[in-house]
C-alpha atoms as a PDB file:
ATOM      1  CA  MET A   1      11.408  16.441  62.730  1.00  0.00           C
ATOM      2  CA  LYS A   2      13.896  18.203  60.463  1.00  0.00           C
ATOM      3  CA  SER A   3      11.933  16.975  57.416  1.00  0.00           C
ATOM      4  CA  ILE A   4       8.709  18.442  58.785  1.00  0.00           C
ATOM      5  CA  PHE A   5      10.469  21.743  59.515  1.00  0.00           C
ATOM      6  CA  LYS A   6      11.867  21.856  55.980  1.00  0.00           C
ATOM      7  CA  MET A   7       8.393  21.188  54.534  1.00  0.00           C
ATOM      8  CA  ILE A   8       6.944  24.079  56.575  1.00  0.00           C
ATOM      9  CA  LEU A   9       9.685  26.425  55.380  1.00  0.00           C
ATOM     10  CA  ALA A  10       9.149  25.356  51.765  1.00  0.00           C
ATOM     11  CA  THR A  11       5.411  25.920  52.079  1.00  0.00           C
ATOM     12  CA  LEU A  12       5.932  29.387  53.586  1.00  0.00           C
ATOM     13  CA  PHE A  13       8.407  30.298  50.836  1.00  0.00           C
ATOM     14  CA  LEU A  14       5.976  29.172  48.131  1.00  0.00           C
ATOM     15  CA  ALA A  15       3.137  31.165  49.713  1.00  0.00           C
ATOM     16  CA  ILE A  16       5.273  34.319  49.930  1.00  0.00           C
ATOM     17  CA  THR A  17       6.354  33.866  46.296  1.00  0.00           C
ATOM     18  CA  LEU A  18       2.776  33.460  45.108  1.00  0.00           C
ATOM     19  CA  VAL A  19       1.626  36.549  47.032  1.00  0.00           C
ATOM     20  CA  SER A  20       4.534  38.531  45.592  1.00  0.00           C
ATOM     21  CA  CYS A  21       3.709  37.433  42.047  1.00  0.00           C
ATOM     22  CA  ARG A  22       0.027  38.177  42.624  1.00  0.00           C
ATOM     23  CA  ASN A  23       0.841  41.659  43.858  1.00  0.00           C
ATOM     24  CA  SER A  24       2.974  42.257  40.748  1.00  0.00           C
ATOM     25  CA  GLU A  25       0.109  41.175  38.514  1.00  0.00           C
ATOM     26  CA  ASP A  26      -2.276  43.438  40.411  1.00  0.00           C
ATOM     27  CA  ASN A  27       0.101  46.357  39.998  1.00  0.00           C
ATOM     28  CA  ILE A  28       0.313  45.761  36.251  1.00  0.00           C
ATOM     29  CA  THR A  29      -3.484  45.617  36.037  1.00  0.00           C
ATOM     30  CA  GLU A  30      -3.889  48.798  38.022  1.00  0.00           C
ATOM     31  CA  THR A  31      -1.236  50.804  36.180  1.00  0.00           C
ATOM     32  CA  THR A  32      -2.217  49.697  32.661  1.00  0.00           C
ATOM     33  CA  ASN A  33      -5.260  51.668  31.525  1.00  0.00           C
ATOM     34  CA  GLU A  34      -6.521  50.371  28.196  1.00  0.00           C
ATOM     35  CA  LEU A  35      -9.025  53.229  28.017  1.00  0.00           C
ATOM     36  CA  GLN A  36      -6.372  55.917  28.298  1.00  0.00           C
ATOM     37  CA  ASP A  37      -7.114  58.649  25.731  1.00  0.00           C
ATOM     38  CA  LEU A  38     -10.516  57.065  24.988  1.00  0.00           C
ATOM     39  CA  LYS A  39     -13.985  58.216  26.023  1.00  0.00           C
ATOM     40  CA  LEU A  40     -17.267  56.317  26.034  1.00  0.00           C
ATOM     41  CA  ILE A  41     -19.591  57.030  23.105  1.00  0.00           C
ATOM     42  CA  LYS A  42     -22.401  54.849  24.416  1.00  0.00           C
ATOM     43  CA  GLU A  43     -23.375  51.388  25.640  1.00  0.00           C
ATOM     44  CA  THR A  44     -25.767  48.914  24.077  1.00  0.00           C
ATOM     45  CA  SER A  45     -26.691  45.422  25.206  1.00  0.00           C
ATOM     46  CA  ASN A  46     -28.423  42.116  24.559  1.00  0.00           C
ATOM     47  CA  ASP A  47     -29.327  39.230  26.889  1.00  0.00           C
ATOM     48  CA  LYS A  48     -25.712  38.127  27.412  1.00  0.00           C
ATOM     49  CA  HIS A  49     -23.446  41.146  27.004  1.00  0.00           C
ATOM     50  CA  ILE A  50     -22.975  44.879  27.404  1.00  0.00           C
ATOM     51  CA  ILE A  51     -21.223  46.340  24.347  1.00  0.00           C
ATOM     52  CA  GLU A  52     -19.244  49.547  24.946  1.00  0.00           C
ATOM     53  CA  LEU A  53     -18.315  51.912  22.105  1.00  0.00           C
ATOM     54  CA  TYR A  54     -15.405  54.352  22.487  1.00  0.00           C
ATOM     55  CA  SER A  55     -13.588  57.024  20.487  1.00  0.00           C
ATOM     56  CA  ALA A  56     -10.898  59.584  21.251  1.00  0.00           C
ATOM     57  CA  SER A  57     -13.467  62.308  21.960  1.00  0.00           C
ATOM     58  CA  GLY A  58     -16.429  60.208  23.074  1.00  0.00           C
ATOM     59  CA  GLN A  59     -18.385  61.713  20.187  1.00  0.00           C
ATOM     60  CA  LEU A  60     -19.014  61.032  16.515  1.00  0.00           C
ATOM     61  CA  SER A  61     -19.604  63.404  13.612  1.00  0.00           C
ATOM     62  CA  GLN A  62     -19.600  63.394   9.831  1.00  0.00           C
ATOM     63  CA  GLY A  63     -16.199  62.118   8.702  1.00  0.00           C
ATOM     64  CA  TYR A  64     -13.583  59.517   9.635  1.00  0.00           C
ATOM     65  CA  HIS A  65     -13.501  57.979  13.136  1.00  0.00           C
ATOM     66  CA  ASP A  66     -11.475  55.256  14.816  1.00  0.00           C
ATOM     67  CA  VAL A  67     -13.993  53.361  16.952  1.00  0.00           C
ATOM     68  CA  PHE A  68     -13.198  50.934  19.788  1.00  0.00           C
ATOM     69  CA  ILE A  69     -15.367  48.159  21.262  1.00  0.00           C
ATOM     70  CA  ARG A  70     -15.395  46.206  24.532  1.00  0.00           C
ATOM     71  CA  ILE A  71     -17.787  43.324  25.226  1.00  0.00           C
ATOM     72  CA  LYS A  72     -18.667  42.685  28.878  1.00  0.00           C
ATOM     73  CA  ASN A  73     -20.212  39.400  29.959  1.00  0.00           C
ATOM     74  CA  LYS A  74     -23.219  40.176  32.162  1.00  0.00           C
ATOM     75  CA  ALA A  75     -22.966  36.922  34.131  1.00  0.00           C
ATOM     76  CA  THR A  76     -19.261  37.066  34.999  1.00  0.00           C
ATOM     77  CA  GLY A  77     -18.592  40.799  34.818  1.00  0.00           C
ATOM     78  CA  LEU A  78     -15.503  40.017  32.708  1.00  0.00           C
ATOM     79  CA  TYR A  79     -14.611  41.254  29.232  1.00  0.00           C
ATOM     80  CA  GLU A  80     -14.565  38.872  26.279  1.00  0.00           C
ATOM     81  CA  ASN A  81     -11.179  38.462  24.596  1.00  0.00           C
ATOM     82  CA  ASN A  82     -11.887  35.972  21.820  1.00  0.00           C
ATOM     83  CA  ALA A  83     -14.778  37.505  19.911  1.00  0.00           C
ATOM     84  CA  GLU A  84     -14.975  37.728  16.132  1.00  0.00           C
ATOM     85  CA  ILE A  85     -16.813  40.952  15.275  1.00  0.00           C
ATOM     86  CA  GLN A  86     -18.479  42.351  12.173  1.00  0.00           C
ATOM     87  CA  TRP A  87     -20.283  45.686  12.057  1.00  0.00           C
ATOM     88  CA  GLN A  88     -22.591  47.487   9.661  1.00  0.00           C
ATOM     89  CA  PRO A  89     -23.338  51.195  10.096  1.00  0.00           C
ATOM     90  CA  VAL A  90     -26.446  52.246   8.167  1.00  0.00           C
ATOM     91  CA  MET A  91     -27.894  55.657   7.337  1.00  0.00           C
ATOM     92  CA  HIS A  92     -31.695  55.443   7.332  1.00  0.00           C
ATOM     93  CA  MET A  93     -33.051  58.068   4.964  1.00  0.00           C
ATOM     94  CA  THR A  94     -36.682  58.804   4.178  1.00  0.00           C
ATOM     95  CA  SER A  95     -36.512  57.106   0.777  1.00  0.00           C
ATOM     96  CA  MET A  96     -33.566  54.678   1.120  1.00  0.00           C
ATOM     97  CA  SER A  97     -30.861  53.277   3.371  1.00  0.00           C
ATOM     98  CA  HIS A  98     -27.133  53.006   2.762  1.00  0.00           C
ATOM     99  CA  SER A  99     -23.904  52.226   4.578  1.00  0.00           C
ATOM    100  CA  CYS A 100     -20.477  53.914   4.360  1.00  0.00           C
ATOM    101  CA  PRO A 101     -16.759  53.061   4.190  1.00  0.00           C
ATOM    102  CA  LYS A 102     -15.601  50.967   7.134  1.00  0.00           C
ATOM    103  CA  SER A 103     -12.758  48.643   8.044  1.00  0.00           C
ATOM    104  CA  ALA A 104     -12.775  45.160   9.479  1.00  0.00           C
ATOM    105  CA  VAL A 105     -12.825  44.961  13.283  1.00  0.00           C
ATOM    106  CA  THR A 106      -9.602  43.603  14.792  1.00  0.00           C
ATOM    107  CA  LYS A 107      -8.483  42.701  18.320  1.00  0.00           C
ATOM    108  CA  ILE A 108      -5.845  44.854  19.990  1.00  0.00           C
ATOM    109  CA  ALA A 109      -3.266  42.553  21.573  1.00  0.00           C
ATOM    110  CA  GLY A 110      -2.794  42.749  25.323  1.00  0.00           C
ATOM    111  CA  ASN A 111      -6.137  44.238  26.334  1.00  0.00           C
ATOM    112  CA  ASN A 112      -9.902  43.909  25.948  1.00  0.00           C
ATOM    113  CA  LEU A 113     -10.365  46.300  23.025  1.00  0.00           C
ATOM    114  CA  TYR A 114     -11.357  45.682  19.426  1.00  0.00           C
ATOM    115  CA  THR A 115     -11.030  48.457  16.854  1.00  0.00           C
ATOM    116  CA  GLY A 116     -11.696  49.637  13.316  1.00  0.00           C
ATOM    117  CA  TYR A 117     -12.675  52.797  11.457  1.00  0.00           C
ATOM    118  CA  ILE A 118     -15.962  54.147  10.115  1.00  0.00           C
ATOM    119  CA  VAL A 119     -16.424  57.078   7.710  1.00  0.00           C
ATOM    120  CA  PHE A 120     -19.812  58.712   8.265  1.00  0.00           C
ATOM    121  CA  THR A 121     -20.655  60.328   4.940  1.00  0.00           C
ATOM    122  CA  MET A 122     -23.847  62.120   5.916  1.00  0.00           C
ATOM    123  CA  VAL A 123     -25.274  64.143   8.793  1.00  0.00           C
ATOM    124  CA  GLN A 124     -28.316  63.087  10.784  1.00  0.00           C
ATOM    125  CA  ASN A 125     -31.444  65.215  10.877  1.00  0.00           C
ATOM    126  CA  ALA A 126     -34.874  65.116  12.466  1.00  0.00           C
ATOM    127  CA  SER A 127     -36.111  62.267  10.254  1.00  0.00           C
ATOM    128  CA  GLU A 128     -32.898  60.550   9.071  1.00  0.00           C
ATOM    129  CA  TYR A 129     -30.436  58.771  11.325  1.00  0.00           C
ATOM    130  CA  TRP A 130     -27.483  56.382  11.639  1.00  0.00           C
ATOM    131  CA  ASP A 131     -27.455  53.111  13.509  1.00  0.00           C
ATOM    132  CA  ILE A 132     -24.901  50.329  13.779  1.00  0.00           C
ATOM    133  CA  LYS A 133     -25.519  46.581  13.835  1.00  0.00           C
ATOM    134  CA  ILE A 134     -22.803  44.612  15.606  1.00  0.00           C
ATOM    135  CA  ASP A 135     -22.681  40.850  15.006  1.00  0.00           C
ATOM    136  CA  TYR A 136     -20.154  38.776  16.914  1.00  0.00           C
ATOM    137  CA  THR A 137     -19.235  35.184  17.661  1.00  0.00           C
ATOM    138  CA  ILE A 138     -17.755  33.856  20.929  1.00  0.00           C
ATOM    139  CA  ASN A 139     -16.867  30.158  21.299  1.00  0.00           C
ATOM    140  CA  GLY A 140     -19.136  29.254  18.405  1.00  0.00           C
ATOM    141  CA  ASN A 141     -22.131  31.187  19.746  1.00  0.00           C
ATOM    142  CA  ASN A 142     -23.587  34.054  17.701  1.00  0.00           C
ATOM    143  CA  TYR A 143     -24.808  37.330  19.184  1.00  0.00           C
ATOM    144  CA  THR A 144     -26.045  40.644  17.834  1.00  0.00           C
ATOM    145  CA  THR A 145     -27.048  44.122  18.908  1.00  0.00           C
ATOM    146  CA  THR A 146     -28.160  47.293  17.118  1.00  0.00           C
ATOM    147  CA  THR A 147     -28.048  50.842  18.447  1.00  0.00           C
ATOM    148  CA  VAL A 148     -28.686  54.338  17.113  1.00  0.00           C
ATOM    149  CA  LEU A 149     -25.669  56.660  16.784  1.00  0.00           C
ATOM    150  CA  ASP A 150     -25.544  60.425  17.152  1.00  0.00           C
ATOM    151  CA  VAL A 151     -23.781  61.826  14.048  1.00  0.00           C
ATOM    152  CA  PRO A 152     -23.995  65.643  13.792  1.00  0.00           C
ATOM    153  CA  ALA A 153     -22.181  67.826  11.266  1.00  0.00           C
ATOM    154  CA  SER A 154     -18.457  68.410  11.498  1.00  0.00           C
ATOM    155  CA  PRO A 155     -17.441  72.088  11.971  1.00  0.00           C
ATOM    156  CA  LYS A 156     -15.464  71.935   8.707  1.00  0.00           C
ATOM    157  CA  ARG A 157     -15.646  69.804   5.579  1.00  0.00           C
ATOM    158  CA  VAL A 158     -13.660  66.642   6.263  1.00  0.00           C
ATOM    159  CA  VAL A 159     -15.350  64.227   3.867  1.00  0.00           C
ATOM    160  CA  THR A 160     -16.462  64.627   0.266  1.00  0.00           C
ATOM    161  CA  SER A 161     -18.493  62.290  -1.960  1.00  0.00           C
ATOM    162  CA  PHE A 162     -18.696  62.623  -5.731  1.00  0.00           C
ATOM    163  CA  LYS A 163     -19.044  60.792  -9.027  1.00  0.00           C
ATOM    164  CA  GLY A 164     -15.838  60.704 -11.045  1.00  0.00           C
ATOM    165  CA  SER A 165     -15.500  61.047 -14.802  1.00  0.00           C
ATOM    166  CA  ASP A 166     -15.366  57.233 -14.878  1.00  0.00           C
ATOM    167  CA  ASN A 167     -18.941  57.171 -13.487  1.00  0.00           C
ATOM    168  CA  VAL A 168     -17.776  55.679 -10.183  1.00  0.00           C
ATOM    169  CA  LYS A 169     -18.854  57.184  -6.872  1.00  0.00           C
ATOM    170  CA  TYR A 170     -15.880  58.021  -4.627  1.00  0.00           C
ATOM    171  CA  ILE A 171     -15.529  59.070  -0.998  1.00  0.00           C
ATOM    172  CA  LEU A 172     -12.489  61.032   0.220  1.00  0.00           C
ATOM    173  CA  ALA A 173     -11.961  61.599   3.941  1.00  0.00           C
ATOM    174  CA  TYR A 174      -9.514  63.838   5.817  1.00  0.00           C
ATOM    175  CA  ILE A 175      -7.887  61.996   8.738  1.00  0.00           C
ATOM    176  CA  HIS A 176      -4.675  63.729   9.901  1.00  0.00           C
ATOM    177  CA  PRO A 177      -3.369  66.100  11.127  1.00  0.00           C
ATOM    178  CA  LYS A 178      -5.952  66.344  13.905  1.00  0.00           C
ATOM    179  CA  ASN A 179      -4.053  69.243  15.452  1.00  0.00           C
ATOM    180  CA  PRO A 180      -2.344  71.065  12.562  1.00  0.00           C
ATOM    181  CA  LYS A 181       0.652  73.323  13.146  1.00  0.00           C
ATOM    182  CA  VAL A 182       2.454  76.067  11.273  1.00  0.00           C
ATOM    183  CA  ALA A 183       4.809  73.554   9.696  1.00  0.00           C
ATOM    184  CA  THR A 184       4.924  70.843   7.086  1.00  0.00           C
ATOM    185  CA  ASN A 185       2.417  68.400   8.608  1.00  0.00           C
ATOM    186  CA  ASP A 186       2.069  64.677   7.960  1.00  0.00           C
ATOM    187  CA  LEU A 187      -1.134  64.276   5.934  1.00  0.00           C
ATOM    188  CA  THR A 188      -3.392  61.202   5.981  1.00  0.00           C
ATOM    189  CA  VAL A 189      -6.503  60.790   3.839  1.00  0.00           C
ATOM    190  CA  GLY A 190      -8.658  57.865   2.770  1.00  0.00           C
ATOM    191  CA  VAL A 191     -10.089  56.987  -0.645  1.00  0.00           C
ATOM    192  CA  TRP A 192     -12.968  54.558  -1.177  1.00  0.00           C
ATOM    193  CA  LYS A 193     -15.421  53.731  -3.947  1.00  0.00           C
ATOM    194  CA  MET A 194     -19.014  52.563  -3.695  1.00  0.00           C
ATOM    195  CA  GLU A 195     -19.585  48.985  -4.837  1.00  0.00           C
ATOM    196  CA  ASP A 196     -23.284  49.148  -3.937  1.00  0.00           C
ATOM    197  CA  MET A 197     -25.422  50.872  -1.307  1.00  0.00           C
ATOM    198  CA  MET A 198     -24.053  48.733   1.502  1.00  0.00           C
ATOM    199  CA  ASN A 199     -20.473  48.054   0.426  1.00  0.00           C
ATOM    200  CA  PHE A 200     -17.500  50.364  -0.099  1.00  0.00           C
ATOM    201  CA  SER A 201     -13.943  49.319  -0.938  1.00  0.00           C
ATOM    202  CA  VAL A 202     -10.542  50.985  -0.575  1.00  0.00           C
ATOM    203  CA  VAL A 203      -9.229  52.404  -3.845  1.00  0.00           C
ATOM    204  CA  ASP A 204      -5.665  51.297  -4.600  1.00  0.00           C
ATOM    205  CA  GLY A 205      -2.908  53.066  -6.494  1.00  0.00           C
ATOM    206  CA  TYR A 206      -4.519  56.481  -7.005  1.00  0.00           C
ATOM    207  CA  THR A 207      -3.114  59.906  -6.114  1.00  0.00           C
ATOM    208  CA  VAL A 208      -4.842  62.608  -4.082  1.00  0.00           C
ATOM    209  CA  LYS A 209      -3.370  65.886  -5.332  1.00  0.00           C
ATOM    210  CA  ILE A 210      -3.519  68.755  -2.852  1.00  0.00           C
ATOM    211  CA  ASP A 211      -3.284  72.530  -3.196  1.00  0.00           C
ATOM    212  CA  PRO A 212      -3.904  74.253   0.164  1.00  0.00           C
ATOM    213  CA  ARG A 213      -5.035  77.880  -0.129  1.00  0.00           C
ATOM    214  CA  MET A 214      -6.007  80.721   2.211  1.00  0.00           C
ATOM    215  CA  PRO A 215      -9.002  82.455   0.548  1.00  0.00           C
ATOM    216  CA  SER A 216      -8.884  85.386   2.989  1.00  0.00           C
ATOM    217  CA  MET A 217      -5.221  86.068   2.229  1.00  0.00           C
ATOM    218  CA  GLY A 218      -5.236  86.485  -1.535  1.00  0.00           C
ATOM    219  CA  ASN A 219      -5.768  82.736  -1.992  1.00  0.00           C
ATOM    220  CA  HIS A 220      -2.054  82.115  -1.500  1.00  0.00           C
ATOM    221  CA  SER A 221      -0.734  78.574  -1.362  1.00  0.00           C
ATOM    222  CA  SER A 222       2.266  77.102   0.472  1.00  0.00           C
ATOM    223  CA  PRO A 223       5.553  75.372  -0.436  1.00  0.00           C
ATOM    224  CA  ASN A 224       6.716  71.777   0.014  1.00  0.00           C
ATOM    225  CA  ASN A 225       3.347  70.047  -0.220  1.00  0.00           C
ATOM    226  CA  ILE A 226       3.464  66.385  -1.257  1.00  0.00           C
ATOM    227  CA  HIS A 227       0.457  64.703  -2.868  1.00  0.00           C
ATOM    228  CA  ALA A 228      -1.019  61.767  -0.939  1.00  0.00           C
ATOM    229  CA  THR A 229      -0.318  58.217  -2.137  1.00  0.00           C
ATOM    230  CA  GLN A 230      -0.613  54.745  -0.650  1.00  0.00           C
ATOM    231  CA  LYS A 231       2.184  52.922   1.113  1.00  0.00           C
ATOM    232  CA  ASN A 232       0.384  49.580   0.919  1.00  0.00           C
ATOM    233  CA  ALA A 233      -2.564  48.251  -1.056  1.00  0.00           C
ATOM    234  CA  GLY A 234      -5.753  48.373   0.974  1.00  0.00           C
ATOM    235  CA  GLY A 235      -4.396  51.149   3.156  1.00  0.00           C
ATOM    236  CA  LEU A 236      -4.729  54.885   3.659  1.00  0.00           C
ATOM    237  CA  TYR A 237      -2.970  57.628   1.682  1.00  0.00           C
ATOM    238  CA  TYR A 238      -0.055  59.689   3.032  1.00  0.00           C
ATOM    239  CA  GLY A 239       1.473  62.998   1.985  1.00  0.00           C
ATOM    240  CA  LYS A 240       2.721  66.314   3.359  1.00  0.00           C
ATOM    241  CA  LEU A 241       0.582  69.380   4.067  1.00  0.00           C
ATOM    242  CA  SER A 242       2.404  72.699   4.390  1.00  0.00           C
ATOM    243  CA  LEU A 243       0.665  75.372   6.477  1.00  0.00           C
ATOM    244  CA  THR A 244       2.523  78.680   6.667  1.00  0.00           C
ATOM    245  CA  MET A 245       0.228  80.515   9.098  1.00  0.00           C
ATOM    246  CA  THR A 246      -2.787  80.027  11.326  1.00  0.00           C
ATOM    247  CA  GLY A 247      -6.299  80.659  10.041  1.00  0.00           C
ATOM    248  CA  TYR A 248      -8.773  79.130   7.617  1.00  0.00           C
ATOM    249  CA  TRP A 249      -7.380  76.868   4.879  1.00  0.00           C
ATOM    250  CA  LYS A 250      -9.153  75.225   1.969  1.00  0.00           C
ATOM    251  CA  ILE A 251      -7.325  72.095   0.844  1.00  0.00           C
ATOM    252  CA  ASN A 252      -8.221  71.862  -2.833  1.00  0.00           C
ATOM    253  CA  LEU A 253      -8.206  68.316  -4.175  1.00  0.00           C
ATOM    254  CA  GLN A 254      -7.835  66.432  -7.416  1.00  0.00           C
ATOM    255  CA  LEU A 255      -8.237  62.666  -7.630  1.00  0.00           C
ATOM    256  CA  ALA A 256      -5.993  61.009 -10.227  1.00  0.00           C
ATOM    257  CA  ASN A 257      -6.262  57.340 -11.209  1.00  0.00           C
ATOM    258  CA  THR A 258      -3.387  54.912 -11.770  1.00  0.00           C
ATOM    259  CA  SER A 259      -2.834  56.349 -15.272  1.00  0.00           C
ATOM    260  CA  GLY A 260      -2.624  59.891 -13.925  1.00  0.00           C
ATOM    261  CA  ASN A 261      -5.974  60.943 -15.397  1.00  0.00           C
ATOM    262  CA  ILE A 262      -7.927  63.399 -13.243  1.00  0.00           C
ATOM    263  CA  LEU A 263     -11.285  61.897 -12.288  1.00  0.00           C
ATOM    264  CA  LYS A 264     -12.522  64.910 -10.331  1.00  0.00           C
ATOM    265  CA  GLY A 265     -11.226  68.272  -9.176  1.00  0.00           C
ATOM    266  CA  GLU A 266      -9.671  71.273 -10.866  1.00  0.00           C
ATOM    267  CA  GLU A 267      -6.224  72.834 -10.893  1.00  0.00           C
ATOM    268  CA  ILE A 268      -6.199  76.226  -9.169  1.00  0.00           C
ATOM    269  CA  SER A 269      -5.597  79.302 -11.315  1.00  0.00           C
ATOM    270  CA  ASP A 270      -6.655  82.957 -11.473  1.00  0.00           C
ATOM    271  CA  SER A 271      -9.849  81.887 -13.226  1.00  0.00           C
ATOM    272  CA  THR A 272     -10.411  78.838 -10.996  1.00  0.00           C
ATOM    273  CA  PRO A 273      -9.861  79.904  -7.371  1.00  0.00           C
ATOM    274  CA  ALA A 274     -11.151  76.654  -5.835  1.00  0.00           C
ATOM    275  CA  SER A 275     -11.619  73.016  -6.751  1.00  0.00           C
ATOM    276  CA  SER A 276     -15.035  71.400  -6.754  1.00  0.00           C
ATOM    277  CA  ILE A 277     -13.727  68.893  -4.191  1.00  0.00           C
ATOM    278  CA  PHE A 278     -11.896  70.050  -1.081  1.00  0.00           C
ATOM    279  CA  PHE A 279     -11.325  69.735   2.655  1.00  0.00           C
ATOM    280  CA  GLU A 280     -11.365  72.575   5.172  1.00  0.00           C
ATOM    281  CA  LEU A 281      -9.418  73.210   8.337  1.00  0.00           C
ATOM    282  CA  GLU A 282      -8.937  76.145  10.684  1.00  0.00           C
ATOM    283  CA  PHE A 283      -6.507  76.501  13.548  1.00  0.00           C
END
């Protein structure tokens, strides 16, 4: 009899423990929001999955964007966590098509999101548009989907494309600060070169020289700026951007190669008030 009573107690204890653990897991699920600070851009689908695209604003525009993906299984209603994803954004023009700089797509540990960046170099119009083809593999099975993207103009110039003196086509993109302040801001930019119409690679070891100016205020500059350089090969470029007051700023640029030779852009002087390549910001 005592043995039976002990077995009942043990079973009750195990049940209570399991319920307690389950409740803890549920609490973690409920309090952890993987979409915090993200908004839906759009959904696309195929026979098996719904593919969700997200960004910080829920919108895209000409320039650099971190883009996030979730893949929802239509049959189970669950999100896929072991996909291998490749993407190809394409600008369809009236006479040609081309892609743009983009990163690989990687899985974010601990949730259902995959992420990478895309630099949209052109603006859509009535007859020319961007779409993105997403190819992915799950458990050895291949899937694909393609959807049109809305890519209007950015309010200010945040990406510039040009041919350098070395006859290479380069793309420079402004990334940070997103919310500039009257201070010495951390600056992040990206530098890529065109390999062909569909492939762009990160440029390593160059220097993005900056000279921020306020055209409406006598074209004055600011102190303590630091030109942008790479921390690691294959990565973005980091520097310091000094902004001494609010208003409209033109960030004049020069691109220097590994030997220090200027490939594009001009030094600012009384006779040269602006560089031919630049970013803009206003705050």
